[in-house]
Amino acid sequence: MKSNRPTALVTGAGTGVGRACALRFARAGFNVVINFSRSEADAEQTLAGVRAEGVECFTHRCDVSCEPDVIEMLARIQAEFGRLDVLVNNAATTYFIDFDDLDGLSEDKWDQILAVNTKGTYFCIKAARSMLMADEGGAIVNVSSVAGLT
């Protein structure tokens, strides 16, 4: 199936900035794919808001730090919409550790932060590249936190 409407994938779209992006794309007339990893109830709320804008949309549970899952998510987008015009890499995770307690951040927690926040962004771009480059080309938006500066 090929959609005439542009399509946006927003990772981490269940809440916050991701939800706001998904709703904004829906209001602009985009099909929207709402990615989430844990917050299914929140993703369903985002879905309801997007659906109210009259566009096609679906939720997809995917841990962006797992490349095979990301590939599966992009294959579903290809099957459902036949296109991807915008990728918003918004999914992220963190652990709140006091700066004076570096021992409070275990290697496992550090690895998870890097896997989701860095590898996840890369995996999504890599998997989406061919669809984003089709037709007139697409756009990638990488969302980050001010915590990266501090």
N, C-alpha and C. Protein backbone atom coordinates (compact mmCIF):
# COMPACT_ATOMS: atom_id res chain seq x y z
N MET A 1 0.85 -1.19 0.00
CA MET A 1 0.00 0.00 0.00
C MET A 1 0.89 1.24 0.00
N LYS A 2 0.58 2.19 -0.81
CA LYS A 2 1.32 3.45 -0.87
C LYS A 2 0.40 4.57 -0.47
N SER A 3 0.82 5.35 0.50
CA SER A 3 0.01 6.47 0.96
C SER A 3 0.39 7.73 0.20
N ASN A 4 -0.60 8.55 -0.08
CA ASN A 4 -0.35 9.85 -0.69
C ASN A 4 0.03 10.88 0.35
N ARG A 5 -0.26 10.57 1.58
CA ARG A 5 0.01 11.48 2.69
C ARG A 5 1.42 11.22 3.22
N PRO A 6 2.19 12.26 3.57
CA PRO A 6 3.51 12.03 4.15
C PRO A 6 3.38 11.29 5.48
N THR A 7 4.46 10.57 5.85
CA THR A 7 4.45 9.75 7.05
C THR A 7 5.61 10.14 7.96
N ALA A 8 5.32 10.22 9.25
CA ALA A 8 6.34 10.52 10.26
C ALA A 8 6.39 9.39 11.28
N LEU A 9 7.59 8.98 11.64
CA LEU A 9 7.84 8.06 12.73
C LEU A 9 8.43 8.86 13.88
N VAL A 10 7.78 8.79 15.04
CA VAL A 10 8.28 9.47 16.23
C VAL A 10 8.59 8.41 17.27
N THR A 11 9.88 8.26 17.61
CA THR A 11 10.24 7.30 18.64
C THR A 11 10.02 7.94 20.01
N GLY A 12 9.69 7.11 20.97
CA GLY A 12 9.41 7.64 22.31
C GLY A 12 8.23 8.60 22.30
N ALA A 13 7.18 8.23 21.55
CA ALA A 13 6.06 9.15 21.33
C ALA A 13 4.92 8.99 22.34
N GLY A 14 5.11 8.19 23.36
CA GLY A 14 4.05 7.99 24.34
C GLY A 14 3.78 9.19 25.21
N THR A 15 4.80 9.97 25.49
CA THR A 15 4.66 11.09 26.43
C THR A 15 5.52 12.27 25.98
N GLY A 16 5.37 13.37 26.67
CA GLY A 16 6.25 14.52 26.57
C GLY A 16 6.48 15.05 25.18
N VAL A 17 7.75 15.29 24.86
CA VAL A 17 8.14 15.86 23.58
C VAL A 17 7.71 14.97 22.42
N GLY A 18 7.85 13.66 22.59
CA GLY A 18 7.45 12.73 21.54
C GLY A 18 5.97 12.82 21.23
N ARG A 19 5.15 12.88 22.28
CA ARG A 19 3.70 13.03 22.08
C ARG A 19 3.40 14.34 21.37
N ALA A 20 4.03 15.42 21.81
CA ALA A 20 3.80 16.73 21.18
C ALA A 20 4.18 16.70 19.70
N CYS A 21 5.28 16.04 19.37
CA CYS A 21 5.69 15.92 17.96
C CYS A 21 4.67 15.13 17.16
N ALA A 22 4.24 14.00 17.71
CA ALA A 22 3.25 13.16 17.01
C ALA A 22 1.98 13.95 16.73
N LEU A 23 1.50 14.67 17.71
CA LEU A 23 0.28 15.46 17.54
C LEU A 23 0.48 16.59 16.52
N ARG A 24 1.64 17.20 16.55
CA ARG A 24 1.92 18.28 15.60
C ARG A 24 1.96 17.76 14.16
N PHE A 25 2.59 16.61 13.96
CA PHE A 25 2.61 16.03 12.62
C PHE A 25 1.20 15.66 12.17
N ALA A 26 0.40 15.13 13.07
CA ALA A 26 -0.98 14.78 12.71
C ALA A 26 -1.76 16.02 12.30
N ARG A 27 -1.58 17.11 13.04
CA ARG A 27 -2.28 18.35 12.70
C ARG A 27 -1.83 18.89 11.34
N ALA A 28 -0.60 18.56 10.96
CA ALA A 28 -0.07 18.99 9.65
C ALA A 28 -0.46 18.03 8.54
N GLY A 29 -1.20 16.96 8.87
CA GLY A 29 -1.71 16.05 7.86
C GLY A 29 -0.84 14.84 7.58
N PHE A 30 0.12 14.54 8.43
CA PHE A 30 0.98 13.38 8.25
C PHE A 30 0.32 12.13 8.82
N ASN A 31 0.56 10.97 8.19
CA ASN A 31 0.36 9.70 8.87
C ASN A 31 1.39 9.67 9.99
N VAL A 32 1.07 9.02 11.11
CA VAL A 32 2.00 9.03 12.24
C VAL A 32 2.17 7.63 12.80
N VAL A 33 3.43 7.25 13.00
CA VAL A 33 3.77 6.01 13.68
C VAL A 33 4.27 6.39 15.06
N ILE A 34 3.60 5.84 16.07
CA ILE A 34 3.88 6.17 17.47
C ILE A 34 4.67 5.01 18.06
N ASN A 35 5.97 5.21 18.21
CA ASN A 35 6.82 4.19 18.80
C ASN A 35 6.85 4.35 20.32
N PHE A 36 6.89 3.22 21.00
CA PHE A 36 7.06 3.21 22.46
C PHE A 36 7.76 1.93 22.83
N SER A 37 8.34 1.91 24.03
CA SER A 37 8.97 0.67 24.48
C SER A 37 8.31 0.12 25.73
N ARG A 38 7.86 0.98 26.63
CA ARG A 38 7.28 0.51 27.88
C ARG A 38 5.88 1.07 28.14
N SER A 39 5.64 2.28 27.75
CA SER A 39 4.44 3.00 28.17
C SER A 39 3.28 2.81 27.19
N GLU A 40 2.74 1.59 27.12
CA GLU A 40 1.67 1.30 26.17
C GLU A 40 0.43 2.15 26.42
N ALA A 41 0.05 2.32 27.68
CA ALA A 41 -1.14 3.14 27.99
C ALA A 41 -0.94 4.57 27.52
N ASP A 42 0.26 5.11 27.74
CA ASP A 42 0.55 6.47 27.28
C ASP A 42 0.54 6.54 25.76
N ALA A 43 1.11 5.52 25.11
CA ALA A 43 1.11 5.48 23.64
C ALA A 43 -0.31 5.44 23.09
N GLU A 44 -1.19 4.71 23.76
CA GLU A 44 -2.59 4.64 23.33
C GLU A 44 -3.27 6.00 23.47
N GLN A 45 -2.89 6.78 24.49
CA GLN A 45 -3.44 8.14 24.62
C GLN A 45 -2.95 9.02 23.48
N THR A 46 -1.67 8.89 23.14
CA THR A 46 -1.14 9.64 22.01
C THR A 46 -1.87 9.23 20.73
N LEU A 47 -2.08 7.93 20.57
CA LEU A 47 -2.79 7.41 19.39
C LEU A 47 -4.17 8.03 19.27
N ALA A 48 -4.88 8.12 20.38
CA ALA A 48 -6.23 8.71 20.36
C ALA A 48 -6.18 10.16 19.90
N GLY A 49 -5.20 10.90 20.39
CA GLY A 49 -5.06 12.30 19.98
C GLY A 49 -4.71 12.44 18.51
N VAL A 50 -3.83 11.58 18.02
CA VAL A 50 -3.45 11.61 16.61
C VAL A 50 -4.63 11.21 15.74
N ARG A 51 -5.31 10.15 16.14
CA ARG A 51 -6.46 9.66 15.37
C ARG A 51 -7.55 10.74 15.28
N ALA A 52 -7.70 11.54 16.32
CA ALA A 52 -8.71 12.61 16.33
C ALA A 52 -8.44 13.66 15.25
N GLU A 53 -7.21 13.70 14.75
CA GLU A 53 -6.86 14.64 13.68
C GLU A 53 -7.22 14.10 12.30
N GLY A 54 -7.73 12.87 12.25
CA GLY A 54 -8.21 12.31 10.99
C GLY A 54 -7.14 11.72 10.10
N VAL A 55 -5.99 11.40 10.65
CA VAL A 55 -4.92 10.80 9.85
C VAL A 55 -4.78 9.32 10.19
N GLU A 56 -4.08 8.59 9.33
CA GLU A 56 -3.81 7.19 9.61
C GLU A 56 -2.64 7.10 10.59
N CYS A 57 -2.73 6.15 11.51
CA CYS A 57 -1.69 6.04 12.52
C CYS A 57 -1.72 4.67 13.15
N PHE A 58 -0.62 4.31 13.78
CA PHE A 58 -0.59 3.10 14.60
C PHE A 58 0.52 3.22 15.62
N THR A 59 0.42 2.42 16.67
CA THR A 59 1.48 2.33 17.65
C THR A 59 2.33 1.11 17.32
N HIS A 60 3.59 1.18 17.72
CA HIS A 60 4.47 0.03 17.53
C HIS A 60 5.45 -0.02 18.71
N ARG A 61 5.36 -1.11 19.48
CA ARG A 61 6.29 -1.31 20.59
C ARG A 61 7.62 -1.76 20.01
N CYS A 62 8.68 -1.03 20.35
CA CYS A 62 10.01 -1.36 19.84
C CYS A 62 11.04 -0.74 20.75
N ASP A 63 11.97 -1.54 21.22
CA ASP A 63 13.14 -1.05 21.94
C ASP A 63 14.15 -0.64 20.87
N VAL A 64 14.37 0.66 20.71
CA VAL A 64 15.22 1.13 19.62
C VAL A 64 16.67 0.70 19.78
N SER A 65 17.05 0.20 20.94
CA SER A 65 18.42 -0.27 21.13
C SER A 65 18.62 -1.68 20.59
N CYS A 66 17.55 -2.29 20.09
CA CYS A 66 17.60 -3.64 19.53
C CYS A 66 17.42 -3.54 18.01
N GLU A 67 18.50 -3.65 17.27
CA GLU A 67 18.45 -3.43 15.82
C GLU A 67 17.43 -4.30 15.09
N PRO A 68 17.32 -5.60 15.39
CA PRO A 68 16.29 -6.39 14.69
C PRO A 68 14.87 -5.87 14.92
N ASP A 69 14.60 -5.36 16.12
CA ASP A 69 13.27 -4.79 16.39
C ASP A 69 13.04 -3.52 15.58
N VAL A 70 14.08 -2.72 15.45
CA VAL A 70 13.97 -1.49 14.65
C VAL A 70 13.71 -1.84 13.19
N ILE A 71 14.44 -2.81 12.67
CA ILE A 71 14.24 -3.25 11.28
C ILE A 71 12.81 -3.73 11.08
N GLU A 72 12.29 -4.48 12.04
CA GLU A 72 10.90 -4.95 11.97
C GLU A 72 9.91 -3.78 11.96
N MET A 73 10.17 -2.76 12.79
CA MET A 73 9.29 -1.60 12.84
C MET A 73 9.27 -0.87 11.50
N LEU A 74 10.44 -0.70 10.89
CA LEU A 74 10.50 0.00 9.60
C LEU A 74 9.86 -0.83 8.50
N ALA A 75 9.98 -2.15 8.58
CA ALA A 75 9.31 -3.02 7.60
C ALA A 75 7.79 -2.87 7.71
N ARG A 76 7.30 -2.72 8.92
CA ARG A 76 5.85 -2.52 9.10
C ARG A 76 5.42 -1.18 8.50
N ILE A 77 6.23 -0.15 8.69
CA ILE A 77 5.91 1.15 8.11
C ILE A 77 5.87 1.04 6.58
N GLN A 78 6.84 0.34 6.02
CA GLN A 78 6.86 0.13 4.57
C GLN A 78 5.59 -0.60 4.11
N ALA A 79 5.20 -1.63 4.85
CA ALA A 79 4.02 -2.41 4.49
C ALA A 79 2.73 -1.61 4.65
N GLU A 80 2.64 -0.82 5.70
CA GLU A 80 1.40 -0.09 6.00
C GLU A 80 1.24 1.18 5.15
N PHE A 81 2.34 1.94 4.99
CA PHE A 81 2.24 3.24 4.34
C PHE A 81 3.05 3.34 3.05
N GLY A 82 4.05 2.49 2.88
CA GLY A 82 4.86 2.53 1.67
C GLY A 82 5.80 3.70 1.58
N ARG A 83 5.95 4.42 2.68
CA ARG A 83 6.82 5.59 2.65
C ARG A 83 7.14 6.04 4.07
N LEU A 84 8.23 6.81 4.18
CA LEU A 84 8.58 7.48 5.42
C LEU A 84 9.23 8.79 5.02
N ASP A 85 8.69 9.87 5.54
CA ASP A 85 9.16 11.20 5.16
C ASP A 85 9.93 11.90 6.28
N VAL A 86 9.58 11.56 7.53
CA VAL A 86 10.24 12.19 8.67
C VAL A 86 10.49 11.14 9.74
N LEU A 87 11.70 11.14 10.26
CA LEU A 87 12.07 10.31 11.41
C LEU A 87 12.44 11.25 12.54
N VAL A 88 11.74 11.14 13.65
CA VAL A 88 12.08 11.91 14.85
C VAL A 88 12.63 10.93 15.88
N ASN A 89 13.93 11.00 16.10
CA ASN A 89 14.59 10.17 17.11
C ASN A 89 14.47 10.88 18.45
N ASN A 90 13.45 10.50 19.19
CA ASN A 90 13.16 11.12 20.47
C ASN A 90 13.31 10.14 21.64
N ALA A 91 13.27 8.85 21.37
CA ALA A 91 13.36 7.85 22.45
C ALA A 91 14.66 8.04 23.22
N ALA A 92 14.54 7.97 24.53
CA ALA A 92 15.73 8.14 25.38
C ALA A 92 15.46 7.53 26.74
N THR A 93 16.55 7.30 27.44
CA THR A 93 16.44 6.83 28.82
C THR A 93 17.55 7.47 29.63
N THR A 94 17.38 7.50 30.93
CA THR A 94 18.42 8.02 31.82
C THR A 94 18.22 7.47 33.22
N TYR A 95 19.20 7.65 34.02
CA TYR A 95 19.13 7.38 35.46
C TYR A 95 19.62 8.65 36.14
N PHE A 96 18.89 9.10 37.12
CA PHE A 96 19.25 10.34 37.80
C PHE A 96 20.23 10.02 38.93
N ILE A 97 21.48 10.36 38.70
CA ILE A 97 22.56 10.10 39.63
C ILE A 97 23.17 11.45 40.01
N ASP A 98 23.36 11.68 41.29
CA ASP A 98 24.02 12.92 41.71
C ASP A 98 25.43 12.98 41.15
N PHE A 99 25.86 14.16 40.75
CA PHE A 99 27.18 14.32 40.16
C PHE A 99 28.29 13.89 41.11
N ASP A 100 28.04 14.00 42.40
CA ASP A 100 29.07 13.60 43.37
C ASP A 100 28.99 12.12 43.73
N ASP A 101 28.14 11.36 43.04
CA ASP A 101 27.99 9.93 43.31
C ASP A 101 28.16 9.12 42.03
N LEU A 102 29.31 9.23 41.40
CA LEU A 102 29.55 8.50 40.15
C LEU A 102 29.45 7.00 40.34
N ASP A 103 29.72 6.51 41.56
CA ASP A 103 29.59 5.07 41.81
C ASP A 103 28.13 4.63 41.74
N GLY A 104 27.20 5.56 41.82
CA GLY A 104 25.78 5.24 41.74
C GLY A 104 25.34 4.86 40.34
N LEU A 105 26.18 5.11 39.36
CA LEU A 105 25.86 4.75 37.98
C LEU A 105 26.66 3.50 37.62
N SER A 106 25.98 2.38 37.62
CA SER A 106 26.64 1.11 37.33
C SER A 106 26.94 1.02 35.83
N GLU A 107 27.81 0.09 35.49
CA GLU A 107 28.14 -0.12 34.09
C GLU A 107 26.91 -0.58 33.31
N ASP A 108 26.05 -1.39 33.90
CA ASP A 108 24.83 -1.84 33.23
C ASP A 108 23.92 -0.66 32.89
N LYS A 109 23.77 0.26 33.85
CA LYS A 109 22.94 1.44 33.60
C LYS A 109 23.55 2.32 32.52
N TRP A 110 24.86 2.51 32.58
CA TRP A 110 25.57 3.31 31.59
C TRP A 110 25.40 2.70 30.20
N ASP A 111 25.55 1.38 30.11
CA ASP A 111 25.39 0.68 28.83
C ASP A 111 23.97 0.86 28.29
N GLN A 112 22.97 0.82 29.16
CA GLN A 112 21.59 0.99 28.71
C GLN A 112 21.36 2.40 28.18
N ILE A 113 21.89 3.40 28.86
CA ILE A 113 21.77 4.78 28.41
C ILE A 113 22.39 4.93 27.02
N LEU A 114 23.60 4.43 26.85
CA LEU A 114 24.26 4.53 25.54
C LEU A 114 23.53 3.75 24.47
N ALA A 115 23.02 2.58 24.84
CA ALA A 115 22.32 1.74 23.85
C ALA A 115 21.08 2.43 23.31
N VAL A 116 20.26 2.98 24.19
CA VAL A 116 19.02 3.64 23.74
C VAL A 116 19.32 4.99 23.11
N ASN A 117 20.09 5.82 23.80
CA ASN A 117 20.25 7.21 23.37
C ASN A 117 21.19 7.38 22.18
N THR A 118 22.13 6.48 22.01
CA THR A 118 23.10 6.62 20.93
C THR A 118 22.90 5.54 19.86
N LYS A 119 22.99 4.29 20.25
CA LYS A 119 22.82 3.22 19.27
C LYS A 119 21.41 3.23 18.70
N GLY A 120 20.41 3.51 19.52
CA GLY A 120 19.03 3.54 19.03
C GLY A 120 18.82 4.56 17.93
N THR A 121 19.40 5.73 18.10
CA THR A 121 19.33 6.77 17.07
C THR A 121 19.97 6.27 15.78
N TYR A 122 21.14 5.69 15.89
CA TYR A 122 21.84 5.15 14.72
C TYR A 122 21.04 4.04 14.05
N PHE A 123 20.52 3.09 14.84
CA PHE A 123 19.76 1.98 14.27
C PHE A 123 18.54 2.48 13.51
N CYS A 124 17.85 3.48 14.05
CA CYS A 124 16.66 4.01 13.38
C CYS A 124 17.04 4.71 12.07
N ILE A 125 18.10 5.50 12.10
CA ILE A 125 18.53 6.18 10.87
C ILE A 125 18.93 5.15 9.82
N LYS A 126 19.71 4.18 10.23
CA LYS A 126 20.18 3.15 9.31
C LYS A 126 19.01 2.39 8.67
N ALA A 127 18.04 2.00 9.49
CA ALA A 127 16.90 1.22 8.98
C ALA A 127 15.96 2.08 8.13
N ALA A 128 15.89 3.37 8.41
CA ALA A 128 14.95 4.26 7.71
C ALA A 128 15.55 4.89 6.46
N ARG A 129 16.84 4.80 6.31
CA ARG A 129 17.56 5.54 5.26
C ARG A 129 16.94 5.38 3.88
N SER A 130 16.68 4.16 3.45
CA SER A 130 16.20 3.98 2.07
C SER A 130 14.82 4.60 1.88
N MET A 131 13.95 4.47 2.86
CA MET A 131 12.62 5.09 2.71
C MET A 131 12.72 6.61 2.76
N LEU A 132 13.59 7.13 3.62
CA LEU A 132 13.74 8.59 3.72
C LEU A 132 14.32 9.19 2.45
N MET A 133 15.15 8.44 1.75
CA MET A 133 15.79 8.96 0.54
C MET A 133 14.92 8.80 -0.70
N ALA A 134 13.83 8.05 -0.61
CA ALA A 134 12.94 7.86 -1.76
C ALA A 134 12.18 9.15 -2.06
N ASP A 135 11.63 9.19 -3.23
CA ASP A 135 10.83 10.33 -3.68
C ASP A 135 11.64 11.61 -3.59
N GLU A 136 11.17 12.56 -2.80
CA GLU A 136 11.83 13.86 -2.71
C GLU A 136 12.81 13.95 -1.55
N GLY A 137 13.07 12.86 -0.89
CA GLY A 137 13.96 12.90 0.27
C GLY A 137 13.20 13.20 1.53
N GLY A 138 13.75 12.81 2.65
CA GLY A 138 13.08 13.00 3.93
C GLY A 138 13.91 13.82 4.89
N ALA A 139 13.43 13.85 6.11
CA ALA A 139 14.09 14.63 7.16
C ALA A 139 14.29 13.78 8.39
N ILE A 140 15.39 14.03 9.09
CA ILE A 140 15.69 13.37 10.35
C ILE A 140 15.84 14.45 11.41
N VAL A 141 15.14 14.27 12.52
CA VAL A 141 15.25 15.18 13.66
C VAL A 141 15.72 14.35 14.84
N ASN A 142 16.88 14.69 15.40
CA ASN A 142 17.41 14.02 16.57
C ASN A 142 17.21 14.91 17.78
N VAL A 143 16.40 14.45 18.71
CA VAL A 143 16.09 15.20 19.92
C VAL A 143 17.10 14.81 20.98
N SER A 144 17.54 15.79 21.75
CA SER A 144 18.51 15.53 22.80
C SER A 144 18.10 16.30 24.05
N SER A 145 18.80 16.02 25.11
CA SER A 145 18.51 16.65 26.39
C SER A 145 19.61 17.63 26.75
N VAL A 146 19.26 18.64 27.47
CA VAL A 146 20.26 19.60 27.96
C VAL A 146 21.24 18.89 28.90
N ALA A 147 20.85 17.72 29.42
CA ALA A 147 21.75 16.96 30.29
C ALA A 147 23.05 16.60 29.58
N GLY A 148 23.01 16.49 28.26
CA GLY A 148 24.21 16.20 27.50
C GLY A 148 25.23 17.32 27.58
N LEU A 149 24.78 18.50 27.90
CA LEU A 149 25.69 19.64 28.02
C LEU A 149 26.21 19.82 29.44
N THR A 150 25.52 19.21 30.38
CA THR A 150 25.95 19.39 31.77
C THR A 150 26.72 18.16 32.22
